[in-house]
Amino acid sequence: MPLTAGYDPAPIAHYENFPVASWLCPPHLRVPIAALYHFARTADDLADEGQASPEQRLADLAAYRQALRQACQGLIPPQAPNADRWARVFGPLRRAVAEFALPAHLLHALLDAFEHDVRMTQSGLDYPDRDALLAYCANSANPVGRLLLHLYGVQDALSLERSDAICTALQLINFWQDPSRDLPRGRNYFPRDACANTGFDARLLTRQDADLPQIPSPRASASAHALVRLCAADARARMEQGQALVHRIPGRAGWELRLVVQGGLRVLDKIEALGGAVLHTRPRLHWWDAPRIAWRALLM
């Protein structure tokens, strides 16, 4: 049975900067891409949304991983209480894995990242340096690009390397876009070495010392501006390193990737314009950014 038969993907309700299974995506791949999206989005929600305790989040992610193992083996979970909890996720994913031979280790790597995030938040830890943060991105972001390349039939080493650069850049852009939301939740992705290099007191981000003041006003903090500029410049360099991949992706999918790349760069424009203010304000894409993104995509 074709993967598209009998499956109406759940509506994508989360705010996303970038297109997900849009009309530019090859029609025969829209359903497996939507299945991958819902798998990752649901796991992210288990790790991050709601009021569950860290212990409950880890238990849910462990159950979710077991459901993934069964899906990758083509098994339908046995009937039990809450057996249909993720039926709309793993039914389509099971068919996608079977039809397209999706690499299971890439799906498990995403769950490794979500579990790592829960444990980091639970322990109040941050990242000591950029290498530690990039190692996290290797699980939290890069598998997504490699799964898409698998669907597109692109597997050469240079394309995989460029995909990793783009995906890591997108993950970093998300981090530097969201500190005003992440920091109150106890999630700090600014590496300590970047803070030290810019003279920013990392303790202001982790709130580990009650005697320290709150994050200083971004207008009055040159070090906050320097920290954001440094982190944004690293994300931009990675995106530019990988952007030639758009010429290796065939047809409409290549055009969608152009929009993803330019959407990410446009968010970086906004982050860089705000500077240290992103510690308090979340930059967003709006409809009026679309013409600029489309024009830049056309010129790639």
Protein backbone atom coordinates (compact mmCIF):
# COMPACT_ATOMS: atom_id res chain seq x y z
CA MET A 1 0.00 0.00 0.00
CA PRO A 2 1.40 3.43 -0.85
CA LEU A 3 2.48 5.42 2.18
CA THR A 4 0.11 8.22 1.28
CA ALA A 5 -2.97 5.99 1.32
CA GLY A 6 -5.25 6.15 4.33
CA TYR A 7 -3.25 8.73 6.26
CA ASP A 8 -4.30 12.27 6.95
CA PRO A 9 -1.43 13.90 8.85
CA ALA A 10 -2.37 15.76 12.01
CA PRO A 11 -2.35 19.52 11.50
CA ILE A 12 0.95 21.20 12.30
CA ALA A 13 -0.04 23.64 15.03
CA HIS A 14 3.33 24.78 16.43
CA TYR A 15 4.96 28.01 15.37
CA GLU A 16 7.75 27.20 12.95
CA ASN A 17 10.22 29.57 11.31
CA PHE A 18 10.67 27.29 8.36
CA PRO A 19 8.39 25.36 5.98
CA VAL A 20 7.41 21.84 6.99
CA ALA A 21 6.24 19.49 4.20
CA SER A 22 5.12 22.52 2.19
CA TRP A 23 3.74 22.51 -1.34
CA LEU A 24 7.33 22.82 -2.59
CA CYS A 25 8.12 19.41 -1.11
CA PRO A 26 7.90 16.54 -3.67
CA PRO A 27 4.31 15.25 -3.37
CA HIS A 28 5.34 11.61 -2.86
CA LEU A 29 7.52 12.65 0.11
CA ARG A 30 5.08 14.92 1.93
CA VAL A 31 3.60 12.15 4.04
CA PRO A 32 6.91 10.59 5.24
CA ILE A 33 8.29 14.07 5.93
CA ALA A 34 5.16 14.93 7.93
CA ALA A 35 5.56 11.62 9.80
CA LEU A 36 9.16 12.54 10.70
CA TYR A 37 8.07 16.00 11.78
CA HIS A 38 5.33 14.68 14.07
CA PHE A 39 7.70 12.10 15.55
CA ALA A 40 10.27 14.77 16.44
CA ARG A 41 7.70 17.40 17.48
CA THR A 42 5.90 15.02 19.83
CA ALA A 43 9.17 13.94 21.45
CA ASP A 44 10.14 17.59 21.87
CA ASP A 45 6.82 18.28 23.57
CA LEU A 46 7.36 15.34 25.94
CA ALA A 47 10.72 16.80 26.89
CA ASP A 48 9.70 20.44 27.12
CA GLU A 49 5.99 21.26 27.28
CA GLY A 50 3.56 21.19 30.19
CA GLN A 51 4.22 20.82 33.90
CA ALA A 52 5.55 17.24 34.09
CA SER A 53 8.43 16.48 36.43
CA PRO A 54 11.82 15.56 34.95
CA GLU A 55 11.29 11.98 36.12
CA GLN A 56 7.95 11.79 34.30
CA ARG A 57 9.44 13.32 31.16
CA LEU A 58 12.22 10.71 31.11
CA ALA A 59 9.71 7.92 31.72
CA ASP A 60 7.56 9.19 28.84
CA LEU A 61 10.58 9.41 26.56
CA ALA A 62 11.58 5.85 27.51
CA ALA A 63 8.09 4.62 26.59
CA TYR A 64 8.27 6.66 23.39
CA ARG A 65 11.62 5.02 22.53
CA GLN A 66 10.09 1.59 23.05
CA ALA A 67 7.30 2.54 20.66
CA LEU A 68 9.98 3.65 18.18
CA ARG A 69 11.74 0.27 18.46
CA GLN A 70 8.47 -1.47 17.69
CA ALA A 71 7.78 0.84 14.75
CA CYS A 72 11.24 0.24 13.30
CA GLN A 73 10.62 -3.52 13.57
CA GLY A 74 7.27 -3.14 11.83
CA LEU A 75 5.39 -4.18 14.97
CA ILE A 76 2.01 -2.84 16.02
CA PRO A 77 2.05 -2.20 19.78
CA PRO A 78 -0.13 -4.63 21.78
CA GLN A 79 -3.44 -3.37 23.07
CA ALA A 80 -3.02 -1.97 26.56
CA PRO A 81 -4.07 1.09 28.54
CA ASN A 82 -2.92 4.19 26.61
CA ALA A 83 -1.73 1.95 23.74
CA ASP A 84 -3.10 4.47 21.27
CA ARG A 85 -1.38 7.42 22.96
CA TRP A 86 0.97 7.94 20.02
CA ALA A 87 -0.90 5.98 17.36
CA ARG A 88 -1.03 8.97 15.03
CA VAL A 89 2.74 9.29 15.32
CA PHE A 90 3.95 5.72 15.03
CA GLY A 91 1.41 4.39 12.54
CA PRO A 92 2.64 6.72 9.78
CA LEU A 93 6.25 6.46 10.97
CA ARG A 94 6.12 2.65 10.85
CA ARG A 95 4.98 2.81 7.22
CA ALA A 96 7.64 5.40 6.37
CA VAL A 97 10.39 3.26 7.92
CA ALA A 98 9.18 0.22 5.97
CA GLU A 99 8.77 1.95 2.62
CA PHE A 100 11.89 4.12 2.67
CA ALA A 101 14.22 2.06 4.92
CA LEU A 102 14.77 5.04 7.21
CA PRO A 103 17.91 4.60 9.36
CA ALA A 104 16.69 3.80 12.87
CA HIS A 105 19.85 5.09 14.55
CA LEU A 106 19.08 8.63 13.36
CA LEU A 107 15.62 8.49 14.93
CA HIS A 108 17.08 7.21 18.19
CA ALA A 109 19.70 9.98 18.13
CA LEU A 110 16.91 12.56 18.31
CA LEU A 111 15.54 10.89 21.44
CA ASP A 112 19.06 10.85 22.91
CA ALA A 113 19.09 14.63 22.50
CA PHE A 114 15.70 15.14 24.13
CA GLU A 115 16.68 12.98 27.11
CA HIS A 116 19.95 14.88 27.39
CA ASP A 117 18.04 18.16 27.44
CA VAL A 118 15.79 16.98 30.28
CA ARG A 119 18.77 15.83 32.35
CA MET A 120 20.69 19.06 31.73
CA THR A 121 17.71 21.13 32.85
CA GLN A 122 17.06 18.86 35.85
CA SER A 123 20.67 19.23 36.99
CA GLY A 124 20.88 22.97 36.30
CA LEU A 125 23.87 22.42 34.04
CA ASP A 126 25.07 24.51 31.12
CA TYR A 127 27.53 23.88 28.30
CA PRO A 128 31.17 24.51 29.19
CA ASP A 129 32.28 25.26 25.64
CA ARG A 130 31.23 25.38 22.00
CA ASP A 131 32.39 21.80 21.32
CA ALA A 132 30.01 20.46 23.97
CA LEU A 133 27.13 22.41 22.45
CA LEU A 134 27.98 21.20 18.94
CA ALA A 135 28.07 17.61 20.19
CA TYR A 136 24.49 18.12 21.40
CA CYS A 137 23.49 19.56 18.01
CA ALA A 138 24.92 16.46 16.33
CA ASN A 139 22.02 14.53 17.91
CA SER A 140 19.34 17.20 18.20
CA ALA A 141 19.53 18.62 14.66
CA ASN A 142 21.83 16.83 12.23
CA PRO A 143 19.81 13.57 12.07
CA VAL A 144 16.87 15.51 10.62
CA GLY A 145 18.87 16.64 7.62
CA ARG A 146 20.35 13.21 7.10
CA LEU A 147 16.89 11.61 7.19
CA LEU A 148 15.68 14.08 4.55
CA LEU A 149 18.72 13.43 2.37
CA HIS A 150 17.96 9.72 2.69
CA LEU A 151 14.46 10.38 1.33
CA TYR A 152 15.90 12.49 -1.50
CA GLY A 153 18.43 9.80 -2.40
CA VAL A 154 21.43 12.05 -1.74
CA GLN A 155 24.11 10.23 0.25
CA ASP A 156 27.56 11.49 -0.80
CA ALA A 157 29.93 12.57 1.97
CA LEU A 158 30.12 16.25 0.97
CA SER A 159 26.34 16.60 0.93
CA LEU A 160 26.07 14.99 4.37
CA GLU A 161 28.71 17.38 5.68
CA ARG A 162 26.88 20.38 4.26
CA SER A 163 23.58 19.11 5.63
CA ASP A 164 25.12 18.85 9.10
CA ALA A 165 26.36 22.44 8.80
CA ILE A 166 22.90 23.72 7.84
CA CYS A 167 21.10 21.73 10.53
CA THR A 168 23.54 22.77 13.23
CA ALA A 169 23.16 26.38 12.11
CA LEU A 170 19.36 26.12 12.30
CA GLN A 171 19.59 24.64 15.81
CA LEU A 172 21.94 27.41 16.93
CA ILE A 173 19.67 30.04 15.39
CA ASN A 174 16.81 28.57 17.39
CA PHE A 175 18.90 28.81 20.57
CA TRP A 176 19.86 32.45 19.96
CA GLN A 177 16.28 33.32 19.01
CA ASP A 178 14.77 31.83 22.18
CA PRO A 179 16.76 32.77 25.32
CA SER A 180 13.88 34.92 26.54
CA ARG A 181 11.80 31.72 26.64
CA ASP A 182 14.50 29.17 27.48
CA LEU A 183 16.24 30.92 30.37
CA PRO A 184 13.12 31.14 32.58
CA ARG A 185 12.72 27.38 32.02
CA GLY A 186 16.25 26.75 33.25
CA ARG A 187 17.71 26.12 29.80
CA ASN A 188 20.88 27.99 28.95
CA TYR A 189 22.63 27.25 25.66
CA PHE A 190 25.22 30.03 25.78
CA PRO A 191 28.57 28.23 26.27
CA ARG A 192 30.60 29.38 29.23
CA ASP A 193 33.69 29.95 27.07
CA ALA A 194 31.71 32.33 24.82
CA CYS A 195 30.55 34.22 27.90
CA ALA A 196 34.12 34.45 29.17
CA ASN A 197 35.45 35.60 25.80
CA THR A 198 32.96 38.48 25.70
CA GLY A 199 33.16 39.45 29.36
CA PHE A 200 29.58 38.38 30.09
CA ASP A 201 28.94 36.90 33.53
CA ALA A 202 27.52 33.45 32.79
CA ARG A 203 26.04 33.27 36.30
CA LEU A 204 23.51 35.88 35.23
CA LEU A 205 22.10 33.31 32.81
CA THR A 206 22.07 30.26 35.08
CA ARG A 207 20.78 32.23 38.09
CA GLN A 208 22.87 30.04 40.41
CA ASP A 209 23.75 32.90 42.75
CA ALA A 210 20.75 34.55 44.40
CA ASP A 211 22.86 37.60 45.31
CA LEU A 212 23.52 38.45 41.68
CA PRO A 213 21.20 40.91 39.92
CA GLN A 214 18.90 39.84 37.12
CA ILE A 215 20.15 39.89 33.53
CA PRO A 216 21.18 43.51 32.95
CA SER A 217 19.28 45.74 30.58
CA PRO A 218 20.55 44.90 27.10
CA ARG A 219 20.90 48.60 26.28
CA ALA A 220 23.35 48.97 29.17
CA SER A 221 25.27 45.75 28.67
CA ALA A 222 27.97 45.84 26.02
CA SER A 223 28.99 42.32 27.02
CA ALA A 224 25.49 40.99 26.31
CA HIS A 225 25.63 42.50 22.82
CA ALA A 226 29.09 41.03 22.27
CA LEU A 227 27.93 37.57 23.42
CA VAL A 228 24.96 37.53 21.05
CA ARG A 229 27.05 38.85 18.13
CA LEU A 230 29.66 36.15 18.68
CA CYS A 231 27.12 33.34 18.83
CA ALA A 232 25.14 34.67 15.85
CA ALA A 233 28.31 35.01 13.76
CA ASP A 234 29.15 31.36 14.41
CA ALA A 235 25.68 30.27 13.30
CA ARG A 236 25.91 32.41 10.16
CA ALA A 237 29.32 30.95 9.24
CA ARG A 238 27.93 27.42 9.54
CA MET A 239 24.93 28.25 7.39
CA GLU A 240 27.17 29.74 4.73
CA GLN A 241 29.41 26.67 4.92
CA GLY A 242 26.48 24.39 4.11
CA GLN A 243 24.30 26.45 1.80
CA ALA A 244 25.79 25.05 -1.43
CA LEU A 245 23.78 21.91 -0.62
CA VAL A 246 20.77 23.58 -2.26
CA HIS A 247 22.33 22.79 -5.65
CA ARG A 248 22.53 19.07 -4.85
CA ILE A 249 18.88 18.60 -3.85
CA PRO A 250 16.74 17.84 -6.88
CA GLY A 251 13.66 19.72 -8.06
CA ARG A 252 11.23 21.46 -5.77
CA ALA A 253 12.91 20.14 -2.63
CA GLY A 254 16.00 22.14 -3.53
CA TRP A 255 13.88 25.29 -3.68
CA GLU A 256 12.35 24.52 -0.32
CA LEU A 257 15.84 24.19 1.14
CA ARG A 258 16.73 27.58 -0.33
CA LEU A 259 13.82 29.07 1.61
CA VAL A 260 14.88 27.26 4.79
CA VAL A 261 18.44 28.60 4.48
CA GLN A 262 17.31 32.13 3.73
CA GLY A 263 14.66 31.97 6.46
CA GLY A 264 17.37 31.06 8.94
CA LEU A 265 19.63 33.85 7.74
CA ARG A 266 16.76 36.33 8.01
CA VAL A 267 16.18 35.30 11.64
CA LEU A 268 19.90 35.87 12.21
CA ASP A 269 19.52 39.38 10.77
CA LYS A 270 16.88 40.07 13.41
CA ILE A 271 18.94 38.50 16.22
CA GLU A 272 21.98 40.57 15.27
CA ALA A 273 19.85 43.74 15.06
CA LEU A 274 18.52 43.15 18.58
CA GLY A 275 21.90 42.19 20.04
CA GLY A 276 21.67 41.60 23.76
CA ALA A 277 17.96 42.41 23.67
CA VAL A 278 17.26 38.81 22.61
CA LEU A 279 17.77 37.94 26.27
CA HIS A 280 14.43 39.70 26.79
CA THR A 281 12.72 39.77 23.37
CA ARG A 282 12.08 36.99 20.87
CA PRO A 283 12.59 37.95 17.21
CA ARG A 284 10.13 36.39 14.79
CA LEU A 285 9.59 36.11 11.07
CA HIS A 286 6.53 37.92 9.70
CA TRP A 287 4.70 37.94 6.40
CA TRP A 288 6.57 41.02 5.27
CA ASP A 289 9.86 39.08 5.50
CA ALA A 290 8.66 36.67 2.81
CA PRO A 291 9.56 38.81 -0.27
CA ARG A 292 13.11 39.37 0.98
CA ILE A 293 13.53 35.65 1.77
CA ALA A 294 12.15 34.64 -1.63
CA TRP A 295 14.40 37.12 -3.49
CA ARG A 296 17.51 35.93 -1.66
CA ALA A 297 16.52 32.31 -2.34
CA LEU A 298 16.19 33.11 -6.04
CA LEU A 299 19.70 34.56 -6.13
CA MET A 300 21.39 31.55 -4.53
